Structures are given as C-alpha cells and as structure tokens.
Amino acid sequence: MSLTLLEGKQVAKAELDLIQVPKETSTYKPISHYQLTDLILTVSQDVLKDYVLVGENYGLARKGNQLFACLNFRGESSEMALSIAYRNSYDKSMTFGMAFGAQVYICENLALTGEIVVMKKHTKTVWNTLEDTVIANIFKAQKHYQKVIVDSEGLKARCMENKQAFQLMGLMFGNEIVSPRQITVLRDQWLRPAHSEFQPRNSWSFLNCTTEALKSSPPNLAIEKHIRAYHQVLDF
C-alpha cells in the first residue's frame, strides 16, 4: 500500500521519534509513534519468519499528531504481499487501529480482509497489553493473507459485465464507501484500466479498480473503506 495523505506528509521512520509525545494524564496514556512502530516491526519480523520485509510507509498528519503506516512482507505469492496497516494519534482524534491484508504488487492496491482486528483506546493500561495483542494478531495475519490469496482466485473466476459493475458502483456510492469524485475514478478505471493485468472483466479487476479509486480517501477512514469495499465485492 502506498500512503496517500490529503493533508500531511510521508516520512522516514526516524522522523517519528522527533514528534513530541504528549504528557500522560490520569485517564490518557499516549502511545509513542516511534515505540509503537519499533514494536510492530520487531514482532512482525520475529513471527513472520518465512516472509521478507519489502516496504515501509509512514505518514504524519495534523502536525505529527496522527500516524498512518503500512508494512509489506513478501510471502509465497508472487502477486501479493502481506500487509499490516496501523494508525495512532496524539490528539485523541483516533484510537489505535490495526488491520491485515494483501498488497497487489502491480498497482500498490490494498485488499484488507476481516475486521479491524485491533481498536484500542489510549487508557492508562494500554501499553501493558499492547505487545501481547500485537503478537497474537500478527500470528493471525498469516491466516488472513492465505484467505486473500484464495479469495483472489475466486474473484478472478467470477465474470462481471458492465451492468453488474455499474450496479455495484451504485451500491458502494449509496453506502458511502466511495465519494462522488471517487465513483468517477472507479468508473474510469473499470472502463479504461490503468494496468493491463486488470483488463479481464471479472470481480478481481473490479476490486482493484475500487481500491485504486479509494487511494484518495482520508487516511483516518482508509482502513474501514478498504474493508467495506472488499466485502461488498465478495458479497455481490
């Protein structure tokens, strides 16, 4: 996944340590962007022993108060990487969130499966259980990754004509998965795919056209929108 920040900037990991962590209060425990990233990187590389880290993307918004990140690991598939996406905030605008999925190499689209597996408030005890939570869910990530690979083959086998594609676009717009501007991008991508690999008229191509359109989503909503789009295509 390549981070698209409408307001913010992409940064190197070292820059995360330059953002001042807010003071702890009686009800609020900040999670350091840098320490969180160190934890997730260490655990993922320990757990995913048969995978190779092939990409790190970090983005900051709201003067560094919001972090959006995605780590990509090359596994057994030559087409998709295992992706771990997460977010964090210093200004109480978001809970800590984490999701797993697969990045399609050719277009850097992200297909997230399942639900957001971690959503934690910044309470006084959040750090006490965070490491165990990250470890447990990264183990689950491998299972999610296998599911995406299987699902992708099923979607490739499911033919889709323009009539079905346009109906699904309408459902996504009506359910506020895509915005008015994004549905135009989605339609254009479907009719004139940017990548030759997505020219076959099937559900897999449609999903990738959708995730291409969703690249302009606000980063604090991107995880949820990708998950909803994924399930909307599967359930159509």
Protein backbone atom coordinates (compact mmCIF):
# COMPACT_ATOMS: atom_id res chain seq x y z
CA MET A 1 0.00 0.00 0.00
CA SER A 2 1.25 3.49 -0.80
CA LEU A 3 0.01 6.09 1.65
CA THR A 4 -1.99 8.94 0.18
CA LEU A 5 -2.27 11.86 2.59
CA LEU A 6 -4.54 14.71 1.57
CA GLU A 7 -3.19 16.75 4.48
CA GLY A 8 0.15 15.57 5.77
CA LYS A 9 3.39 14.10 4.55
CA GLN A 10 5.23 10.83 4.15
CA VAL A 11 8.23 10.49 6.43
CA ALA A 12 11.09 8.15 7.27
CA LYS A 13 10.80 6.02 10.39
CA ALA A 14 13.49 8.08 12.19
CA GLU A 15 11.31 11.19 11.90
CA LEU A 16 8.64 9.57 14.06
CA ASP A 17 10.97 9.96 17.03
CA LEU A 18 11.14 13.73 16.51
CA ILE A 19 7.45 14.28 17.30
CA GLN A 20 6.92 15.28 20.92
CA VAL A 21 4.80 12.74 22.79
CA PRO A 22 2.04 14.43 24.84
CA LYS A 23 2.01 14.19 28.60
CA GLU A 24 0.19 11.35 30.29
CA THR A 25 -2.92 12.22 32.33
CA SER A 26 -4.99 10.32 34.86
CA THR A 27 -7.16 8.90 32.06
CA TYR A 28 -4.96 9.12 28.98
CA LYS A 29 -1.81 7.15 28.09
CA PRO A 30 -0.15 8.26 24.83
CA ILE A 31 1.44 5.60 22.62
CA SER A 32 4.68 6.81 21.08
CA HIS A 33 4.58 6.64 17.25
CA TYR A 34 8.22 5.55 17.22
CA GLN A 35 7.99 2.96 20.01
CA LEU A 36 4.80 1.55 18.52
CA THR A 37 6.46 1.18 15.12
CA ASP A 38 9.52 -0.44 16.70
CA LEU A 39 7.25 -2.91 18.50
CA ILE A 40 5.27 -3.84 15.38
CA LEU A 41 8.41 -4.17 13.25
CA THR A 42 10.18 -6.34 15.84
CA VAL A 43 7.21 -8.62 16.46
CA SER A 44 6.30 -8.99 12.79
CA GLN A 45 9.85 -9.90 11.78
CA ASP A 46 10.06 -12.41 14.64
CA VAL A 47 6.69 -14.02 13.88
CA LEU A 48 6.74 -13.90 10.07
CA LYS A 49 9.94 -15.92 9.74
CA ASP A 50 9.19 -17.08 6.17
CA TYR A 51 8.46 -13.53 4.98
CA VAL A 52 10.75 -10.69 3.93
CA LEU A 53 10.04 -7.03 4.70
CA VAL A 54 9.85 -5.32 1.29
CA GLY A 55 8.23 -1.99 2.10
CA GLU A 56 7.68 0.52 4.91
CA ASN A 57 5.40 3.54 4.52
CA TYR A 58 4.88 6.11 7.26
CA GLY A 59 2.71 9.21 7.07
CA LEU A 60 2.07 12.02 9.53
CA ALA A 61 -0.86 14.41 9.60
CA ARG A 62 -2.12 17.19 11.88
CA LYS A 63 1.40 18.41 12.71
CA GLY A 64 2.51 14.89 13.62
CA ASN A 65 -0.44 14.14 15.89
CA GLN A 66 -1.73 11.41 13.57
CA LEU A 67 0.32 8.47 12.29
CA PHE A 68 -0.68 6.20 9.40
CA ALA A 69 1.61 3.33 8.45
CA CYS A 70 1.78 0.19 6.35
CA LEU A 71 4.37 -2.61 6.36
CA ASN A 72 4.57 -5.03 3.43
CA PHE A 73 6.09 -8.51 3.55
CA ARG A 74 6.82 -10.75 0.59
CA GLY A 75 5.48 -14.25 1.18
CA GLU A 76 4.72 -17.25 -1.00
CA SER A 77 2.67 -15.29 -3.54
CA SER A 78 4.45 -13.60 -6.44
CA GLU A 79 1.46 -11.30 -6.92
CA MET A 80 0.65 -10.10 -3.41
CA ALA A 81 2.46 -9.04 -0.27
CA LEU A 82 1.18 -9.49 3.27
CA SER A 83 0.33 -6.03 4.58
CA ILE A 84 -0.01 -4.72 8.12
CA ALA A 85 -1.68 -1.32 8.30
CA TYR A 86 -1.96 0.67 11.51
CA ARG A 87 -2.77 4.11 12.84
CA ASN A 88 -2.17 6.10 16.03
CA SER A 89 -2.83 9.59 17.37
CA TYR A 90 -1.57 12.02 19.99
CA ASP A 91 -4.59 14.34 19.90
CA LYS A 92 -7.31 11.81 20.83
CA SER A 93 -8.74 12.07 17.31
CA MET A 94 -8.41 8.31 16.74
CA THR A 95 -7.97 5.13 18.73
CA PHE A 96 -5.04 2.90 17.87
CA GLY A 97 -6.16 0.66 14.99
CA MET A 98 -4.62 -2.24 13.11
CA ALA A 99 -5.69 -4.32 10.11
CA PHE A 100 -4.24 -7.03 7.91
CA GLY A 101 -4.49 -7.76 4.23
CA ALA A 102 -2.58 -8.09 0.98
CA GLN A 103 -0.94 -5.57 -1.32
CA VAL A 104 -1.18 -6.18 -5.05
CA TYR A 105 2.34 -5.52 -6.35
CA ILE A 106 1.37 -4.23 -9.78
CA CYS A 107 -0.68 -1.27 -8.58
CA GLU A 108 0.03 -0.99 -4.84
CA ASN A 109 -3.65 -1.55 -4.08
CA LEU A 110 -4.64 -2.92 -0.71
CA ALA A 111 -7.26 -5.61 -0.15
CA LEU A 112 -7.96 -5.84 3.58
CA THR A 113 -9.79 -8.84 4.97
CA GLY A 114 -11.85 -9.39 8.08
CA GLU A 115 -12.48 -6.59 10.54
CA ILE A 116 -10.12 -4.11 12.11
CA VAL A 117 -8.61 -6.64 14.44
CA VAL A 118 -7.29 -4.14 16.98
CA MET A 119 -9.02 -0.98 18.17
CA LYS A 120 -7.61 0.25 21.46
CA LYS A 121 -8.27 3.44 23.38
CA HIS A 122 -5.35 5.27 24.96
CA THR A 123 -6.21 4.28 28.52
CA LYS A 124 -3.77 4.10 31.43
CA THR A 125 -3.12 0.39 30.85
CA VAL A 126 -2.99 0.37 27.04
CA TRP A 127 0.76 -0.29 26.80
CA ASN A 128 0.59 -3.18 29.32
CA THR A 129 -1.40 -5.36 26.92
CA LEU A 130 -0.37 -3.88 23.59
CA GLU A 131 2.61 -6.16 22.93
CA ASP A 132 0.59 -9.34 23.57
CA THR A 133 -2.21 -8.00 21.37
CA VAL A 134 0.19 -7.22 18.51
CA ILE A 135 1.86 -10.65 18.78
CA ALA A 136 -1.46 -12.52 18.76
CA ASN A 137 -2.83 -10.60 15.80
CA ILE A 138 0.29 -10.82 13.67
CA PHE A 139 0.05 -14.59 14.04
CA LYS A 140 -3.50 -14.23 12.71
CA ALA A 141 -2.20 -12.12 9.83
CA GLN A 142 -0.80 -15.17 8.11
CA LYS A 143 -4.24 -16.77 8.07
CA HIS A 144 -5.80 -13.59 6.70
CA TYR A 145 -3.14 -13.47 3.99
CA GLN A 146 -3.89 -17.03 2.91
CA LYS A 147 -7.58 -16.14 2.75
CA VAL A 148 -6.92 -13.18 0.45
CA ILE A 149 -4.91 -15.40 -1.92
CA VAL A 150 -7.75 -17.93 -2.08
CA ASP A 151 -10.37 -15.19 -2.44
CA SER A 152 -8.43 -13.54 -5.27
CA GLU A 153 -8.53 -16.71 -7.32
CA GLY A 154 -12.26 -17.00 -6.73
CA LEU A 155 -12.80 -13.38 -7.77
CA LYS A 156 -10.77 -13.89 -10.95
CA ALA A 157 -13.08 -16.76 -11.87
CA ARG A 158 -16.21 -14.63 -11.35
CA CYS A 159 -17.01 -12.82 -14.60
CA MET A 160 -18.53 -9.35 -14.36
CA GLU A 161 -20.28 -7.45 -17.14
CA ASN A 162 -20.67 -3.69 -17.22
CA LYS A 163 -24.26 -3.90 -15.95
CA GLN A 164 -23.13 -5.69 -12.77
CA ALA A 165 -20.17 -3.36 -12.34
CA PHE A 166 -22.35 -0.26 -12.60
CA GLN A 167 -24.87 -1.72 -10.12
CA LEU A 168 -22.08 -2.40 -7.66
CA MET A 169 -20.72 1.13 -8.14
CA GLY A 170 -24.16 2.42 -7.21
CA LEU A 171 -24.27 0.26 -4.08
CA MET A 172 -20.85 1.48 -2.99
CA PHE A 173 -21.84 5.09 -3.58
CA GLY A 174 -25.17 4.63 -1.78
CA ASN A 175 -23.39 3.02 1.19
CA GLU A 176 -20.84 5.88 1.27
CA ILE A 177 -17.88 3.63 0.54
CA VAL A 178 -16.90 5.81 -2.43
CA SER A 179 -17.43 9.56 -2.71
CA PRO A 180 -18.90 11.36 -5.75
CA ARG A 181 -15.37 12.07 -7.02
CA GLN A 182 -14.19 8.53 -6.32
CA ILE A 183 -17.07 6.90 -8.18
CA THR A 184 -15.97 8.82 -11.28
CA VAL A 185 -12.45 7.45 -10.84
CA LEU A 186 -13.85 3.96 -10.29
CA ARG A 187 -15.94 4.14 -13.47
CA ASP A 188 -12.97 5.38 -15.49
CA GLN A 189 -10.70 2.67 -14.07
CA TRP A 190 -13.26 -0.01 -14.89
CA LEU A 191 -13.80 1.19 -18.46
CA ARG A 192 -10.12 2.02 -19.07
CA PRO A 193 -7.95 0.07 -16.59
CA ALA A 194 -4.61 1.72 -15.78
CA HIS A 195 -2.96 -1.71 -15.66
CA SER A 196 -3.29 -4.38 -18.33
CA GLU A 197 -3.46 -7.05 -15.62
CA PHE A 198 -6.88 -5.69 -14.63
CA GLN A 199 -8.42 -5.65 -18.10
CA PRO A 200 -10.19 -9.03 -17.70
CA ARG A 201 -13.83 -8.41 -16.88
CA ASN A 202 -14.08 -10.11 -13.51
CA SER A 203 -14.62 -9.31 -9.83
CA TRP A 204 -10.89 -9.19 -9.09
CA SER A 205 -10.39 -6.44 -11.66
CA PHE A 206 -13.35 -4.56 -10.21
CA LEU A 207 -11.95 -4.80 -6.68
CA ASN A 208 -8.63 -3.38 -7.83
CA CYS A 209 -10.37 -0.58 -9.71
CA THR A 210 -12.23 0.19 -6.48
CA THR A 211 -9.10 0.26 -4.34
CA GLU A 212 -7.44 2.47 -6.95
CA ALA A 213 -10.31 4.94 -6.51
CA LEU A 214 -10.07 4.70 -2.71
CA LYS A 215 -6.48 5.94 -2.68
CA SER A 216 -7.83 9.46 -2.21
CA SER A 217 -9.75 8.51 0.95
CA PRO A 218 -8.91 10.41 4.14
CA PRO A 219 -6.29 8.26 5.88
CA ASN A 220 -8.29 8.01 9.11
CA LEU A 221 -11.10 6.32 7.11
CA ALA A 222 -9.00 4.38 4.59
CA ILE A 223 -8.79 1.13 6.57
CA GLU A 224 -12.55 0.91 7.08
CA LYS A 225 -13.33 1.82 3.46
CA HIS A 226 -10.97 -0.83 2.08
CA ILE A 227 -12.53 -3.50 4.30
CA ARG A 228 -16.08 -2.50 3.36
CA ALA A 229 -15.22 -2.44 -0.34
CA TYR A 230 -13.60 -5.87 -0.11
CA HIS A 231 -16.68 -7.40 1.49
CA GLN A 232 -19.06 -5.56 -0.83
CA VAL A 233 -17.34 -7.16 -3.84
CA LEU A 234 -17.28 -10.59 -2.23
CA ASP A 235 -20.96 -10.41 -1.24
CA PHE A 236 -22.25 -9.05 -4.55
